[in-house]
Structures are given as C-alpha cells and as structure tokens.
Amino acid sequence: MKGIGLSTLAALLLAAFAQTAAAEVKVGFVNSDRVMKEATPAKKAQQKLEKEFENRRVELQRVTTQGKALEAALDRNGLPESERKAKERELVKLNQDFQRLQREFNEDRNTRMNEEIAAIQERARHAIKQIAENEKYDLIIQENELLYRSQRMDITEKVI
C-alpha cells in the first residue's frame, strides 16, 4: 500500500489494538531519507556513479572552456569578417554539441541513479522485513507508507 493516509493508519492501529486486546503491539518507524544518505550501500552507490560519469563530466567542462575561449576570441576587435563568421559557426556547433552531451549525460546519469536507488530500496525492504520478523515487530511504517505488518494484525478475513 503506497501513500496510506493518517486516518487509515489510525484505523489500522485501532484495529490492531482491538484485535490484540491486552497483547503488546510493537511498532517501528524507518526514515528512508536517512537510509538513502547514510547507509553504506547508498554511499558506495554514490561513489560508483561519480566514478562512472567522471569522464563525461570532464568532457562537458572541456567543451564549456572551449566555448568560452571562442566567445573571448569573438569579443576581440579586429578579426577579419571571414574569420569572425567561421568562429561564430564553430561556436554555434559547439553549443549544439554541448547541449546534446549535457542532455545525454543527465538522462544517462538519472537512469543509472534510479537503478541504484531501486537496488538500495530493495535491500532496505529486505532488511526491514528481517528486522521485523527477528524482533517481533507488528507494524513498520515509513513516512505514511506501510512497509510491513504481522499476520496477527490482518483482519481481512473478519471483514470479508
């Protein structure tokens, strides 16, 4: 269930308390932002992505520097008209190449980042489930999202 509302969560908790009566209900919370920033796999993924895209980032910087040099040459007075036009065409082509390289870089980096995030999230879900089962949690919530609930809390059969 994604995006479970507070009223639904409250109803779920009330149902759990009613069902378990005097039994203790163990509830946990996971801060996914902290997991994505502080977990070792997340840090390693960030370093991996930086290394993977370093050459392309350097290439973008090189093209930027080349473009600035061309602009500076165009700003100088006294260039013959034919040379000025050639440099202007070169600058236009360089700008188009830069925009294409930057767009490809951003798309590829975002795709890879999403892949890494998905892998980290899957590992986190697995860890949450293990912790919940090993430490006998009844309910684990994550910023309004239900991540785990024990079978003891499932009242679906009664509702049906």
C-alpha atoms as a PDB file:
ATOM      1  CA  MET A   1       0.000   0.000   0.000  1.00  0.00           C
ATOM      2  CA  LYS A   2       1.533   3.276  -1.018  1.00  0.00           C
ATOM      3  CA  GLY A   3       0.614   6.617   0.418  1.00  0.00           C
ATOM      4  CA  ILE A   4      -1.501   5.353   3.278  1.00  0.00           C
ATOM      5  CA  GLY A   5      -3.231   8.318   4.929  1.00  0.00           C
ATOM      6  CA  LEU A   6      -3.058   9.183   8.604  1.00  0.00           C
ATOM      7  CA  SER A   7      -6.734   8.353   9.151  1.00  0.00           C
ATOM      8  CA  THR A   8      -6.245   4.935   7.533  1.00  0.00           C
ATOM      9  CA  LEU A   9      -3.134   4.397   9.619  1.00  0.00           C
ATOM     10  CA  ALA A  10      -5.048   5.363  12.768  1.00  0.00           C
ATOM     11  CA  ALA A  11      -7.861   2.942  11.875  1.00  0.00           C
ATOM     12  CA  LEU A  12      -5.302   0.215  11.227  1.00  0.00           C
ATOM     13  CA  LEU A  13      -3.655   0.841  14.594  1.00  0.00           C
ATOM     14  CA  LEU A  14      -7.019   0.845  16.358  1.00  0.00           C
ATOM     15  CA  ALA A  15      -7.932  -2.452  14.699  1.00  0.00           C
ATOM     16  CA  ALA A  16      -4.587  -3.887  15.764  1.00  0.00           C
ATOM     17  CA  PHE A  17      -5.081  -2.766  19.339  1.00  0.00           C
ATOM     18  CA  ALA A  18      -8.635  -4.116  19.399  1.00  0.00           C
ATOM     19  CA  GLN A  19      -7.588  -7.466  17.965  1.00  0.00           C
ATOM     20  CA  THR A  20      -4.638  -7.973  20.262  1.00  0.00           C
ATOM     21  CA  ALA A  21      -6.547  -6.648  23.299  1.00  0.00           C
ATOM     22  CA  ALA A  22      -4.060  -6.929  26.153  1.00  0.00           C
ATOM     23  CA  ALA A  23      -1.140  -8.017  23.968  1.00  0.00           C
ATOM     24  CA  GLU A  24       1.637  -5.542  23.385  1.00  0.00           C
ATOM     25  CA  VAL A  25       1.867  -4.143  19.853  1.00  0.00           C
ATOM     26  CA  LYS A  26       5.373  -3.354  18.655  1.00  0.00           C
ATOM     27  CA  VAL A  27       5.535  -0.597  16.035  1.00  0.00           C
ATOM     28  CA  GLY A  28       8.670   0.686  14.273  1.00  0.00           C
ATOM     29  CA  PHE A  29       9.470   3.627  12.031  1.00  0.00           C
ATOM     30  CA  VAL A  30      12.039   3.910   9.235  1.00  0.00           C
ATOM     31  CA  ASN A  31      13.371   7.243   7.960  1.00  0.00           C
ATOM     32  CA  SER A  32      14.021   6.446   4.304  1.00  0.00           C
ATOM     33  CA  ASP A  33      15.858   9.727   3.662  1.00  0.00           C
ATOM     34  CA  ARG A  34      18.446   8.842   6.280  1.00  0.00           C
ATOM     35  CA  VAL A  35      18.767   5.325   4.875  1.00  0.00           C
ATOM     36  CA  MET A  36      19.380   6.718   1.379  1.00  0.00           C
ATOM     37  CA  LYS A  37      22.005   9.182   2.681  1.00  0.00           C
ATOM     38  CA  GLU A  38      23.742   7.271   5.453  1.00  0.00           C
ATOM     39  CA  ALA A  39      23.616   3.570   4.584  1.00  0.00           C
ATOM     40  CA  THR A  40      26.891   2.098   3.366  1.00  0.00           C
ATOM     41  CA  PRO A  41      25.333   0.749   0.129  1.00  0.00           C
ATOM     42  CA  ALA A  42      23.937   4.220  -0.616  1.00  0.00           C
ATOM     43  CA  LYS A  43      27.329   5.866  -0.090  1.00  0.00           C
ATOM     44  CA  LYS A  44      29.026   3.238  -2.257  1.00  0.00           C
ATOM     45  CA  ALA A  45      26.423   3.715  -4.991  1.00  0.00           C
ATOM     46  CA  GLN A  46      27.025   7.475  -4.963  1.00  0.00           C
ATOM     47  CA  GLN A  47      30.798   6.961  -5.283  1.00  0.00           C
ATOM     48  CA  LYS A  48      30.255   4.395  -8.046  1.00  0.00           C
ATOM     49  CA  LEU A  49      28.072   6.818 -10.005  1.00  0.00           C
ATOM     50  CA  GLU A  50      30.557   9.670  -9.589  1.00  0.00           C
ATOM     51  CA  LYS A  51      33.361   7.474 -10.889  1.00  0.00           C
ATOM     52  CA  GLU A  52      31.203   6.099 -13.715  1.00  0.00           C
ATOM     53  CA  PHE A  53      30.302   9.573 -15.001  1.00  0.00           C
ATOM     54  CA  GLU A  54      33.561  11.404 -14.233  1.00  0.00           C
ATOM     55  CA  ASN A  55      34.936  11.226 -17.811  1.00  0.00           C
ATOM     56  CA  ARG A  56      31.741  12.597 -19.270  1.00  0.00           C
ATOM     57  CA  ARG A  57      31.632  15.396 -16.681  1.00  0.00           C
ATOM     58  CA  VAL A  58      35.217  16.326 -17.580  1.00  0.00           C
ATOM     59  CA  GLU A  59      34.268  16.308 -21.293  1.00  0.00           C
ATOM     60  CA  LEU A  60      31.416  18.737 -20.570  1.00  0.00           C
ATOM     61  CA  GLN A  61      33.832  21.023 -18.724  1.00  0.00           C
ATOM     62  CA  ARG A  62      36.264  20.850 -21.657  1.00  0.00           C
ATOM     63  CA  VAL A  63      33.534  21.871 -24.121  1.00  0.00           C
ATOM     64  CA  THR A  64      32.498  24.718 -21.799  1.00  0.00           C
ATOM     65  CA  THR A  65      36.077  26.006 -21.629  1.00  0.00           C
ATOM     66  CA  GLN A  66      36.406  25.743 -25.408  1.00  0.00           C
ATOM     67  CA  GLY A  67      33.168  27.728 -25.834  1.00  0.00           C
ATOM     68  CA  LYS A  68      34.372  30.475 -23.502  1.00  0.00           C
ATOM     69  CA  ALA A  69      37.618  30.725 -25.456  1.00  0.00           C
ATOM     70  CA  LEU A  70      35.685  31.097 -28.713  1.00  0.00           C
ATOM     71  CA  GLU A  71      33.454  33.780 -27.190  1.00  0.00           C
ATOM     72  CA  ALA A  72      36.519  35.666 -25.983  1.00  0.00           C
ATOM     73  CA  ALA A  73      38.034  35.480 -29.492  1.00  0.00           C
ATOM     74  CA  LEU A  74      34.809  36.836 -30.970  1.00  0.00           C
ATOM     75  CA  ASP A  75      34.754  39.726 -28.491  1.00  0.00           C
ATOM     76  CA  ARG A  76      38.142  40.933 -29.698  1.00  0.00           C
ATOM     77  CA  ASN A  77      38.055  43.709 -32.237  1.00  0.00           C
ATOM     78  CA  GLY A  78      39.936  43.496 -35.481  1.00  0.00           C
ATOM     79  CA  LEU A  79      39.007  39.961 -36.582  1.00  0.00           C
ATOM     80  CA  PRO A  80      38.564  39.710 -40.342  1.00  0.00           C
ATOM     81  CA  GLU A  81      34.903  39.133 -41.287  1.00  0.00           C
ATOM     82  CA  SER A  82      35.531  35.667 -42.755  1.00  0.00           C
ATOM     83  CA  GLU A  83      37.324  34.533 -39.574  1.00  0.00           C
ATOM     84  CA  ARG A  84      34.581  36.022 -37.396  1.00  0.00           C
ATOM     85  CA  LYS A  85      31.870  34.131 -39.341  1.00  0.00           C
ATOM     86  CA  ALA A  86      33.848  30.878 -39.119  1.00  0.00           C
ATOM     87  CA  LYS A  87      34.243  31.293 -35.345  1.00  0.00           C
ATOM     88  CA  GLU A  88      30.538  32.116 -34.963  1.00  0.00           C
ATOM     89  CA  ARG A  89      29.604  28.931 -36.859  1.00  0.00           C
ATOM     90  CA  GLU A  90      32.070  26.964 -34.732  1.00  0.00           C
ATOM     91  CA  LEU A  91      30.537  28.434 -31.573  1.00  0.00           C
ATOM     92  CA  VAL A  92      27.001  27.528 -32.698  1.00  0.00           C
ATOM     93  CA  LYS A  93      28.080  23.948 -33.456  1.00  0.00           C
ATOM     94  CA  LEU A  94      29.952  23.723 -30.158  1.00  0.00           C
ATOM     95  CA  ASN A  95      26.881  24.988 -28.290  1.00  0.00           C
ATOM     96  CA  GLN A  96      24.687  22.377 -30.010  1.00  0.00           C
ATOM     97  CA  ASP A  97      27.204  19.636 -29.159  1.00  0.00           C
ATOM     98  CA  PHE A  98      27.337  20.826 -25.560  1.00  0.00           C
ATOM     99  CA  GLN A  99      23.555  20.790 -25.202  1.00  0.00           C
ATOM    100  CA  ARG A 100      23.348  17.286 -26.708  1.00  0.00           C
ATOM    101  CA  LEU A 101      26.174  15.988 -24.487  1.00  0.00           C
ATOM    102  CA  GLN A 102      24.626  17.572 -21.396  1.00  0.00           C
ATOM    103  CA  ARG A 103      21.161  16.149 -22.179  1.00  0.00           C
ATOM    104  CA  GLU A 104      22.610  12.649 -22.751  1.00  0.00           C
ATOM    105  CA  PHE A 105      24.716  12.939 -19.608  1.00  0.00           C
ATOM    106  CA  ASN A 106      21.724  13.942 -17.481  1.00  0.00           C
ATOM    107  CA  GLU A 107      19.463  11.248 -18.933  1.00  0.00           C
ATOM    108  CA  ASP A 108      22.064   8.502 -18.511  1.00  0.00           C
ATOM    109  CA  ARG A 109      23.006   9.639 -15.006  1.00  0.00           C
ATOM    110  CA  ASN A 110      19.344   9.812 -13.937  1.00  0.00           C
ATOM    111  CA  THR A 111      18.670   6.342 -15.348  1.00  0.00           C
ATOM    112  CA  ARG A 112      21.664   4.887 -13.515  1.00  0.00           C
ATOM    113  CA  MET A 113      20.767   6.754 -10.323  1.00  0.00           C
ATOM    114  CA  ASN A 114      17.241   5.334 -10.451  1.00  0.00           C
ATOM    115  CA  GLU A 115      18.662   1.834 -10.933  1.00  0.00           C
ATOM    116  CA  GLU A 116      20.954   2.236  -7.928  1.00  0.00           C
ATOM    117  CA  ILE A 117      18.150   3.709  -5.795  1.00  0.00           C
ATOM    118  CA  ALA A 118      15.860   0.814  -6.687  1.00  0.00           C
ATOM    119  CA  ALA A 119      18.539  -1.695  -5.679  1.00  0.00           C
ATOM    120  CA  ILE A 120      19.134   0.096  -2.362  1.00  0.00           C
ATOM    121  CA  GLN A 121      15.402   0.298  -1.665  1.00  0.00           C
ATOM    122  CA  GLU A 122      15.028  -3.426  -2.315  1.00  0.00           C
ATOM    123  CA  ARG A 123      17.881  -4.187   0.098  1.00  0.00           C
ATOM    124  CA  ALA A 124      16.303  -1.871   2.671  1.00  0.00           C
ATOM    125  CA  ARG A 125      12.905  -3.598   2.330  1.00  0.00           C
ATOM    126  CA  HIS A 126      14.589  -6.968   2.814  1.00  0.00           C
ATOM    127  CA  ALA A 127      16.424  -5.678   5.903  1.00  0.00           C
ATOM    128  CA  ILE A 128      13.200  -4.195   7.311  1.00  0.00           C
ATOM    129  CA  LYS A 129      11.384  -7.485   6.859  1.00  0.00           C
ATOM    130  CA  GLN A 130      14.218  -9.410   8.564  1.00  0.00           C
ATOM    131  CA  ILE A 131      14.322  -6.971  11.472  1.00  0.00           C
ATOM    132  CA  ALA A 132      10.541  -7.051  11.816  1.00  0.00           C
ATOM    133  CA  GLU A 133      10.441 -10.829  11.892  1.00  0.00           C
ATOM    134  CA  ASN A 134      13.514 -11.299  14.123  1.00  0.00           C
ATOM    135  CA  GLU A 135      12.500  -8.651  16.634  1.00  0.00           C
ATOM    136  CA  LYS A 136       8.760  -9.429  16.502  1.00  0.00           C
ATOM    137  CA  TYR A 137       7.521  -6.076  15.219  1.00  0.00           C
ATOM    138  CA  ASP A 138       3.831  -5.960  14.417  1.00  0.00           C
ATOM    139  CA  LEU A 139       3.950  -2.849  12.255  1.00  0.00           C
ATOM    140  CA  ILE A 140       6.714  -0.922  10.485  1.00  0.00           C
ATOM    141  CA  ILE A 141       5.830   2.431   8.937  1.00  0.00           C
ATOM    142  CA  GLN A 142       7.821   4.704   6.692  1.00  0.00           C
ATOM    143  CA  GLU A 143       6.655   8.251   6.196  1.00  0.00           C
ATOM    144  CA  ASN A 144       2.984   7.375   5.674  1.00  0.00           C
ATOM    145  CA  GLU A 145       3.771   4.136   3.842  1.00  0.00           C
ATOM    146  CA  LEU A 146       3.043   0.713   5.235  1.00  0.00           C
ATOM    147  CA  LEU A 147       6.155  -1.434   4.835  1.00  0.00           C
ATOM    148  CA  TYR A 148       5.416  -4.444   6.995  1.00  0.00           C
ATOM    149  CA  ARG A 149       2.676  -5.748   9.190  1.00  0.00           C
ATOM    150  CA  SER A 150       2.440  -9.011  11.037  1.00  0.00           C
ATOM    151  CA  GLN A 151      -0.222 -11.518  10.074  1.00  0.00           C
ATOM    152  CA  ARG A 152      -1.676 -11.109  13.578  1.00  0.00           C
ATOM    153  CA  MET A 153      -2.828  -7.644  12.564  1.00  0.00           C
ATOM    154  CA  ASP A 154      -4.616  -8.757   9.385  1.00  0.00           C
ATOM    155  CA  ILE A 155      -8.360  -8.608   9.921  1.00  0.00           C
ATOM    156  CA  THR A 156      -9.252  -9.046   6.248  1.00  0.00           C
ATOM    157  CA  GLU A 157     -10.864 -12.449   6.791  1.00  0.00           C
ATOM    158  CA  LYS A 158     -13.107 -10.987   9.504  1.00  0.00           C
ATOM    159  CA  VAL A 159     -14.088  -8.107   7.262  1.00  0.00           C
ATOM    160  CA  ILE A 160     -14.894 -10.456   4.381  1.00  0.00           C
END
